[in-house]
């Protein structure tokens, strides 16, 4: 079912497929932009949705890690303190 025949209510957490006269309750996350499509079989409804990207986070510092193949498993260093 393409997205043109699908209506969604975020308040009621329901998806209505108008051509089939079918209303489904959903229990997945509610912060999606739109429903792309729904595939139905005799037991399940497979819902494809768009979820918005999170804002990028600016790092406040860095941590260097050397994954050594011999000796120590890993060596970490803080570039600000040199330790």
PDB file of N, CA and C in Angstrom:
ATOM      1  N   UNK A   1       0.855  -1.168   0.000  1.00  0.00           N
ATOM      2  CA  UNK A   1       0.000   0.000   0.000  1.00  0.00           C
ATOM      3  C   UNK A   1       0.904   1.234   0.000  1.00  0.00           C
ATOM      4  N   UNK A   2       0.903   2.068  -1.028  1.00  0.00           N
ATOM      5  CA  UNK A   2       1.710   3.300  -1.025  1.00  0.00           C
ATOM      6  C   UNK A   2       1.151   4.322  -0.050  1.00  0.00           C
ATOM      7  N   UNK A   3       1.953   5.349   0.233  1.00  0.00           N
ATOM      8  CA  UNK A   3       1.597   6.308   1.290  1.00  0.00           C
ATOM      9  C   UNK A   3       0.398   7.190   0.953  1.00  0.00           C
ATOM     10  N   UNK A   4      -0.042   7.268  -0.317  1.00  0.00           N
ATOM     11  CA  UNK A   4      -1.156   8.153  -0.668  1.00  0.00           C
ATOM     12  C   UNK A   4      -2.459   7.731   0.000  1.00  0.00           C
ATOM     13  N   UNK A   5      -2.679   6.454   0.218  1.00  0.00           N
ATOM     14  CA  UNK A   5      -3.920   5.977   0.815  1.00  0.00           C
ATOM     15  C   UNK A   5      -3.849   5.776   2.311  1.00  0.00           C
ATOM     16  N   UNK A   6      -2.809   6.358   2.952  1.00  0.00           N
ATOM     17  CA  UNK A   6      -2.585   6.127   4.380  1.00  0.00           C
ATOM     18  C   UNK A   6      -2.713   7.443   5.138  1.00  0.00           C
ATOM     19  N   UNK A   7      -3.482   7.422   6.220  1.00  0.00           N
ATOM     20  CA  UNK A   7      -3.588   8.583   7.108  1.00  0.00           C
ATOM     21  C   UNK A   7      -3.128   8.160   8.498  1.00  0.00           C
ATOM     22  N   UNK A   8      -2.500   9.097   9.213  1.00  0.00           N
ATOM     23  CA  UNK A   8      -1.951   8.777  10.529  1.00  0.00           C
ATOM     24  C   UNK A   8      -2.388   9.821  11.542  1.00  0.00           C
ATOM     25  N   UNK A   9      -2.747   9.370  12.737  1.00  0.00           N
ATOM     26  CA  UNK A   9      -3.063  10.259  13.843  1.00  0.00           C
ATOM     27  C   UNK A   9      -2.036  10.014  14.943  1.00  0.00           C
ATOM     28  N   UNK A  10      -1.147  10.996  15.151  1.00  0.00           N
ATOM     29  CA  UNK A  10      -0.132  10.862  16.198  1.00  0.00           C
ATOM     30  C   UNK A  10      -0.761  10.916  17.596  1.00  0.00           C
ATOM     31  N   UNK A  11      -1.857  11.668  17.739  1.00  0.00           N
ATOM     32  CA  UNK A  11      -2.504  11.783  19.044  1.00  0.00           C
ATOM     33  C   UNK A  11      -3.136  10.458  19.469  1.00  0.00           C
ATOM     34  N   UNK A  12      -3.857   9.810  18.534  1.00  0.00           N
ATOM     35  CA  UNK A  12      -4.528   8.542  18.849  1.00  0.00           C
ATOM     36  C   UNK A  12      -3.632   7.339  18.635  1.00  0.00           C
ATOM     37  N   UNK A  13      -2.453   7.560  17.997  1.00  0.00           N
ATOM     38  CA  UNK A  13      -1.510   6.493  17.638  1.00  0.00           C
ATOM     39  C   UNK A  13      -2.198   5.442  16.774  1.00  0.00           C
ATOM     40  N   UNK A  14      -2.896   5.927  15.739  1.00  0.00           N
ATOM     41  CA  UNK A  14      -3.575   5.034  14.799  1.00  0.00           C
ATOM     42  C   UNK A  14      -3.142   5.341  13.377  1.00  0.00           C
ATOM     43  N   UNK A  15      -3.183   4.301  12.549  1.00  0.00           N
ATOM     44  CA  UNK A  15      -2.926   4.416  11.124  1.00  0.00           C
ATOM     45  C   UNK A  15      -4.187   3.931  10.419  1.00  0.00           C
ATOM     46  N   UNK A  16      -4.706   4.750   9.506  1.00  0.00           N
ATOM     47  CA  UNK A  16      -5.905   4.394   8.764  1.00  0.00           C
ATOM     48  C   UNK A  16      -5.527   4.176   7.304  1.00  0.00           C
ATOM     49  N   UNK A  17      -5.861   3.008   6.797  1.00  0.00           N
ATOM     50  CA  UNK A  17      -5.654   2.699   5.384  1.00  0.00           C
ATOM     51  C   UNK A  17      -7.016   2.859   4.719  1.00  0.00           C
ATOM     52  N   UNK A  18      -7.205   3.998   4.063  1.00  0.00           N
ATOM     53  CA  UNK A  18      -8.506   4.387   3.544  1.00  0.00           C
ATOM     54  C   UNK A  18      -9.062   3.410   2.506  1.00  0.00           C
ATOM     55  N   UNK A  19      -8.290   2.983   1.488  1.00  0.00           N
ATOM     56  CA  UNK A  19      -8.877   2.077   0.484  1.00  0.00           C
ATOM     57  C   UNK A  19      -9.361   0.745   1.059  1.00  0.00           C
ATOM     58  N   UNK A  20      -8.748   0.279   2.139  1.00  0.00           N
ATOM     59  CA  UNK A  20      -9.146  -0.996   2.753  1.00  0.00           C
ATOM     60  C   UNK A  20     -10.126  -0.824   3.908  1.00  0.00           C
ATOM     61  N   UNK A  21     -10.415   0.430   4.266  1.00  0.00           N
ATOM     62  CA  UNK A  21     -11.275   0.731   5.416  1.00  0.00           C
ATOM     63  C   UNK A  21     -10.762   0.014   6.667  1.00  0.00           C
ATOM     64  N   UNK A  22      -9.456   0.163   6.914  1.00  0.00           N
ATOM     65  CA  UNK A  22      -8.774  -0.535   8.002  1.00  0.00           C
ATOM     66  C   UNK A  22      -8.080   0.485   8.893  1.00  0.00           C
ATOM     67  N   UNK A  23      -8.262   0.366  10.206  1.00  0.00           N
ATOM     68  CA  UNK A  23      -7.581   1.226  11.175  1.00  0.00           C
ATOM     69  C   UNK A  23      -6.734   0.351  12.086  1.00  0.00           C
ATOM     70  N   UNK A  24      -5.454   0.715  12.211  1.00  0.00           N
ATOM     71  CA  UNK A  24      -4.497  -0.044  13.014  1.00  0.00           C
ATOM     72  C   UNK A  24      -3.950   0.828  14.130  1.00  0.00           C
ATOM     73  N   UNK A  25      -3.791   0.267  15.314  1.00  0.00           N
ATOM     74  CA  UNK A  25      -3.073   0.942  16.396  1.00  0.00           C
ATOM     75  C   UNK A  25      -1.597   0.609  16.245  1.00  0.00           C
ATOM     76  N   UNK A  26      -0.732   1.591  16.534  1.00  0.00           N
ATOM     77  CA  UNK A  26       0.709   1.310  16.476  1.00  0.00           C
ATOM     78  C   UNK A  26       1.348   1.595  17.819  1.00  0.00           C
ATOM     79  N   UNK A  27       2.452   0.886  18.083  1.00  0.00           N
ATOM     80  CA  UNK A  27       3.125   0.968  19.375  1.00  0.00           C
ATOM     81  C   UNK A  27       4.601   1.312  19.240  1.00  0.00           C
ATOM     82  N   UNK A  28       5.046   1.677  18.030  1.00  0.00           N
ATOM     83  CA  UNK A  28       6.438   2.078  17.853  1.00  0.00           C
ATOM     84  C   UNK A  28       6.578   3.568  18.126  1.00  0.00           C
ATOM     85  N   UNK A  29       7.802   4.079  18.032  1.00  0.00           N
ATOM     86  CA  UNK A  29       8.070   5.471  18.372  1.00  0.00           C
ATOM     87  C   UNK A  29       7.190   6.424  17.570  1.00  0.00           C
ATOM     88  N   UNK A  30       6.880   7.564  18.180  1.00  0.00           N
ATOM     89  CA  UNK A  30       5.872   8.471  17.639  1.00  0.00           C
ATOM     90  C   UNK A  30       6.473   9.720  17.009  1.00  0.00           C
ATOM     91  N   UNK A  31       7.785   9.782  16.834  1.00  0.00           N
ATOM     92  CA  UNK A  31       8.411  11.000  16.311  1.00  0.00           C
ATOM     93  C   UNK A  31       8.766  10.897  14.829  1.00  0.00           C
ATOM     94  N   UNK A  32       8.026  10.097  14.065  1.00  0.00           N
ATOM     95  CA  UNK A  32       8.337   9.940  12.651  1.00  0.00           C
ATOM     96  C   UNK A  32       7.695  11.049  11.827  1.00  0.00           C
ATOM     97  N   UNK A  33       8.315  11.317  10.646  1.00  0.00           N
ATOM     98  CA  UNK A  33       7.821  12.357   9.746  1.00  0.00           C
ATOM     99  C   UNK A  33       6.616  11.888   8.944  1.00  0.00           C
ATOM    100  N   UNK A  34       6.786  10.743   8.279  1.00  0.00           N
ATOM    101  CA  UNK A  34       5.704  10.230   7.453  1.00  0.00           C
ATOM    102  C   UNK A  34       5.816   8.719   7.329  1.00  0.00           C
ATOM    103  N   UNK A  35       4.728   8.120   6.877  1.00  0.00           N
ATOM    104  CA  UNK A  35       4.703   6.689   6.591  1.00  0.00           C
ATOM    105  C   UNK A  35       4.972   6.522   5.103  1.00  0.00           C
ATOM    106  N   UNK A  36       5.992   5.728   4.760  1.00  0.00           N
ATOM    107  CA  UNK A  36       6.320   5.499   3.360  1.00  0.00           C
ATOM    108  C   UNK A  36       5.377   4.490   2.723  1.00  0.00           C
ATOM    109  N   UNK A  37       5.264   3.332   3.336  1.00  0.00           N
ATOM    110  CA  UNK A  37       4.376   2.301   2.823  1.00  0.00           C
ATOM    111  C   UNK A  37       4.069   1.293   3.916  1.00  0.00           C
ATOM    112  N   UNK A  38       3.051   0.481   3.678  1.00  0.00           N
ATOM    113  CA  UNK A  38       2.665  -0.580   4.593  1.00  0.00           C
ATOM    114  C   UNK A  38       2.461  -1.845   3.763  1.00  0.00           C
ATOM    115  N   UNK A  39       3.048  -2.944   4.231  1.00  0.00           N
ATOM    116  CA  UNK A  39       2.822  -4.250   3.609  1.00  0.00           C
ATOM    117  C   UNK A  39       2.037  -5.093   4.601  1.00  0.00           C
ATOM    118  N   UNK A  40       1.002  -5.723   4.122  1.00  0.00           N
ATOM    119  CA  UNK A  40       0.125  -6.536   4.971  1.00  0.00           C
ATOM    120  C   UNK A  40       0.199  -7.998   4.561  1.00  0.00           C
ATOM    121  N   UNK A  41       0.207  -8.890   5.553  1.00  0.00           N
ATOM    122  CA  UNK A  41      -0.004 -10.307   5.285  1.00  0.00           C
ATOM    123  C   UNK A  41      -1.125 -10.779   6.200  1.00  0.00           C
ATOM    124  N   UNK A  42      -1.301 -12.068   6.342  1.00  0.00           N
ATOM    125  CA  UNK A  42      -2.437 -12.550   7.134  1.00  0.00           C
ATOM    126  C   UNK A  42      -2.254 -12.372   8.630  1.00  0.00           C
ATOM    127  N   UNK A  43      -1.034 -12.013   9.094  1.00  0.00           N
ATOM    128  CA  UNK A  43      -0.785 -11.900  10.520  1.00  0.00           C
ATOM    129  C   UNK A  43      -0.225 -10.547  10.952  1.00  0.00           C
ATOM    130  N   UNK A  44       0.585  -9.916  10.103  1.00  0.00           N
ATOM    131  CA  UNK A  44       1.312  -8.714  10.501  1.00  0.00           C
ATOM    132  C   UNK A  44       1.137  -7.585   9.494  1.00  0.00           C
ATOM    133  N   UNK A  45       1.397  -6.373   9.970  1.00  0.00           N
ATOM    134  CA  UNK A  45       1.496  -5.192   9.111  1.00  0.00           C
ATOM    135  C   UNK A  45       2.928  -4.684   9.242  1.00  0.00           C
ATOM    136  N   UNK A  46       3.623  -4.572   8.120  1.00  0.00           N
ATOM    137  CA  UNK A  46       5.009  -4.095   8.094  1.00  0.00           C
ATOM    138  C   UNK A  46       4.984  -2.637   7.667  1.00  0.00           C
ATOM    139  N   UNK A  47       5.382  -1.739   8.572  1.00  0.00           N
ATOM    140  CA  UNK A  47       5.260  -0.302   8.350  1.00  0.00           C
ATOM    141  C   UNK A  47       6.647   0.295   8.136  1.00  0.00           C
ATOM    142  N   UNK A  48       6.811   1.025   7.031  1.00  0.00           N
ATOM    143  CA  UNK A  48       8.054   1.735   6.730  1.00  0.00           C
ATOM    144  C   UNK A  48       7.826   3.219   6.978  1.00  0.00           C
ATOM    145  N   UNK A  49       8.661   3.822   7.864  1.00  0.00           N
ATOM    146  CA  UNK A  49       8.481   5.230   8.234  1.00  0.00           C
ATOM    147  C   UNK A  49       9.779   6.001   8.047  1.00  0.00           C
ATOM    148  N   UNK A  50       9.673   7.335   7.974  1.00  0.00           N
ATOM    149  CA  UNK A  50      10.832   8.233   7.974  1.00  0.00           C
ATOM    150  C   UNK A  50      11.003   8.807   9.370  1.00  0.00           C
ATOM    151  N   UNK A  51      12.217   8.695   9.912  1.00  0.00           N
ATOM    152  CA  UNK A  51      12.534   9.262  11.216  1.00  0.00           C
ATOM    153  C   UNK A  51      13.526  10.399  10.988  1.00  0.00           C
ATOM    154  N   UNK A  52      13.263  11.603  11.523  1.00  0.00           N
ATOM    155  CA  UNK A  52      14.182  12.730  11.289  1.00  0.00           C
ATOM    156  C   UNK A  52      15.538  12.484  11.950  1.00  0.00           C
ATOM    157  N   UNK A  53      16.589  13.022  11.312  1.00  0.00           N
ATOM    158  CA  UNK A  53      17.933  12.917  11.866  1.00  0.00           C
ATOM    159  C   UNK A  53      18.073  13.816  13.087  1.00  0.00           C
ATOM    160  N   UNK A  54      18.879  13.383  14.046  1.00  0.00           N
ATOM    161  CA  UNK A  54      19.189  14.210  15.211  1.00  0.00           C
ATOM    162  C   UNK A  54      20.172  15.302  14.805  1.00  0.00           C
ATOM    163  N   UNK A  55      20.193  16.394  15.557  1.00  0.00           N
ATOM    164  CA  UNK A  55      21.154  17.460  15.308  1.00  0.00           C
ATOM    165  C   UNK A  55      22.557  16.941  15.583  1.00  0.00           C
ATOM    166  N   UNK A  56      23.528  17.455  14.816  1.00  0.00           N
ATOM    167  CA  UNK A  56      24.911  17.058  15.026  1.00  0.00           C
ATOM    168  C   UNK A  56      25.421  17.597  16.355  1.00  0.00           C
ATOM    169  N   UNK A  57      26.270  16.828  17.008  1.00  0.00           N
ATOM    170  CA  UNK A  57      26.846  17.220  18.293  1.00  0.00           C
ATOM    171  C   UNK A  57      28.287  17.643  18.056  1.00  0.00           C
ATOM    172  N   UNK A  58      28.639  18.820  18.527  1.00  0.00           N
ATOM    173  CA  UNK A  58      30.029  19.292  18.439  1.00  0.00           C
ATOM    174  C   UNK A  58      30.837  18.658  19.560  1.00  0.00           C
ATOM    175  N   UNK A  59      31.930  17.977  19.234  1.00  0.00           N
ATOM    176  CA  UNK A  59      32.742  17.363  20.301  1.00  0.00           C
ATOM    177  C   UNK A  59      33.448  18.435  21.135  1.00  0.00           C
ATOM    178  N   UNK A  60      33.596  18.159  22.428  1.00  0.00           N
ATOM    179  CA  UNK A  60      34.292  19.071  23.332  1.00  0.00           C
ATOM    180  C   UNK A  60      35.741  18.656  23.532  1.00  0.00           C
ATOM    181  N   UNK A  61      36.074  17.460  23.146  1.00  0.00           N
ATOM    182  CA  UNK A  61      37.438  16.983  23.316  1.00  0.00           C
ATOM    183  C   UNK A  61      37.617  15.685  22.556  1.00  0.00           C
ATOM    184  N   UNK A  62      38.839  15.204  22.529  1.00  0.00           N
ATOM    185  CA  UNK A  62      39.148  13.985  21.804  1.00  0.00           C
ATOM    186  C   UNK A  62      39.921  13.037  22.707  1.00  0.00           C
ATOM    187  N   UNK A  63      39.853  11.773  22.387  1.00  0.00           N
ATOM    188  CA  UNK A  63      40.579  10.748  23.099  1.00  0.00           C
ATOM    189  C   UNK A  63      41.197   9.839  22.055  1.00  0.00           C
ATOM    190  N   UNK A  64      42.523   9.700  22.091  1.00  0.00           N
ATOM    191  CA  UNK A  64      43.210   8.839  21.138  1.00  0.00           C
ATOM    192  C   UNK A  64      43.336   7.434  21.686  1.00  0.00           C
ATOM    193  N   UNK A  65      43.062   6.433  20.841  1.00  0.00           N
ATOM    194  CA  UNK A  65      43.168   5.033  21.242  1.00  0.00           C
ATOM    195  C   UNK A  65      44.037   4.306  20.231  1.00  0.00           C
ATOM    196  N   UNK A  66      45.090   3.625  20.722  1.00  0.00           N
ATOM    197  CA  UNK A  66      45.975   2.828  19.890  1.00  0.00           C
ATOM    198  C   UNK A  66      45.653   1.370  20.143  1.00  0.00           C
ATOM    199  N   UNK A  67      45.095   0.706  19.155  1.00  0.00           N
ATOM    200  CA  UNK A  67      44.783  -0.724  19.288  1.00  0.00           C
ATOM    201  C   UNK A  67      46.017  -1.503  18.848  1.00  0.00           C
ATOM    202  N   UNK A  68      46.772  -1.945  19.805  1.00  0.00           N
ATOM    203  CA  UNK A  68      48.041  -2.610  19.553  1.00  0.00           C
ATOM    204  C   UNK A  68      47.811  -4.096  19.310  1.00  0.00           C
ATOM    205  N   UNK A  69      48.567  -4.670  18.362  1.00  0.00           N
ATOM    206  CA  UNK A  69      48.407  -6.104  18.089  1.00  0.00           C
ATOM    207  C   UNK A  69      49.301  -6.942  18.989  1.00  0.00           C
ATOM    208  N   UNK A  70      50.324  -6.347  19.554  1.00  0.00           N
ATOM    209  CA  UNK A  70      51.189  -7.083  20.482  1.00  0.00           C
ATOM    210  C   UNK A  70      51.277  -6.320  21.783  1.00  0.00           C
ATOM    211  N   UNK A  71      51.481  -7.009  22.850  1.00  0.00           N
ATOM    212  CA  UNK A  71      51.616  -6.343  24.152  1.00  0.00           C
ATOM    213  C   UNK A  71      50.267  -5.977  24.730  1.00  0.00           C
ATOM    214  N   UNK A  72      50.015  -4.683  24.887  1.00  0.00           N
ATOM    215  CA  UNK A  72      48.774  -4.193  25.479  1.00  0.00           C
ATOM    216  C   UNK A  72      47.614  -4.346  24.485  1.00  0.00           C
ATOM    217  N   UNK A  73      46.433  -4.541  25.011  1.00  0.00           N
ATOM    218  CA  UNK A  73      45.246  -4.631  24.159  1.00  0.00           C
ATOM    219  C   UNK A  73      44.949  -3.275  23.538  1.00  0.00           C
ATOM    220  N   UNK A  74      44.979  -2.225  24.362  1.00  0.00           N
ATOM    221  CA  UNK A  74      44.727  -0.872  23.868  1.00  0.00           C
ATOM    222  C   UNK A  74      45.461   0.120  24.756  1.00  0.00           C
ATOM    223  N   UNK A  75      45.926   1.198  24.144  1.00  0.00           N
ATOM    224  CA  UNK A  75      46.565   2.285  24.870  1.00  0.00           C
ATOM    225  C   UNK A  75      45.786   3.551  24.542  1.00  0.00           C
ATOM    226  N   UNK A  76      45.352   4.276  25.578  1.00  0.00           N
ATOM    227  CA  UNK A  76      44.566   5.487  25.375  1.00  0.00           C
ATOM    228  C   UNK A  76      45.357   6.683  25.863  1.00  0.00           C
ATOM    229  N   UNK A  77      45.179   7.815  25.187  1.00  0.00           N
ATOM    230  CA  UNK A  77      45.873   9.032  25.600  1.00  0.00           C
ATOM    231  C   UNK A  77      44.971  10.238  25.431  1.00  0.00           C
ATOM    232  N   UNK A  78      45.097  11.178  26.373  1.00  0.00           N
ATOM    233  CA  UNK A  78      44.345  12.431  26.310  1.00  0.00           C
ATOM    234  C   UNK A  78      45.272  13.484  25.724  1.00  0.00           C
ATOM    235  N   UNK A  79      44.976  14.041  24.556  1.00  0.00           N
ATOM    236  CA  UNK A  79      45.878  15.009  23.925  1.00  0.00           C
ATOM    237  C   UNK A  79      46.035  16.317  24.707  1.00  0.00           C
ATOM    238  N   UNK A  80      45.067  16.671  25.543  1.00  0.00           N
ATOM    239  CA  UNK A  80      45.171  17.904  26.320  1.00  0.00           C
ATOM    240  C   UNK A  80      46.157  17.787  27.467  1.00  0.00           C
ATOM    241  N   UNK A  81      46.185  16.629  28.141  1.00  0.00           N
ATOM    242  CA  UNK A  81      47.053  16.460  29.305  1.00  0.00           C
ATOM    243  C   UNK A  81      48.312  15.648  28.975  1.00  0.00           C
ATOM    244  N   UNK A  82      48.284  14.910  27.873  1.00  0.00           N
ATOM    245  CA  UNK A  82      49.417  14.077  27.525  1.00  0.00           C
ATOM    246  C   UNK A  82      49.470  12.768  28.298  1.00  0.00           C
ATOM    247  N   UNK A  83      48.477  12.495  29.104  1.00  0.00           N
ATOM    248  CA  UNK A  83      48.460  11.254  29.895  1.00  0.00           C
ATOM    249  C   UNK A  83      47.695  10.190  29.160  1.00  0.00           C
TER     250      UNK A  83
END
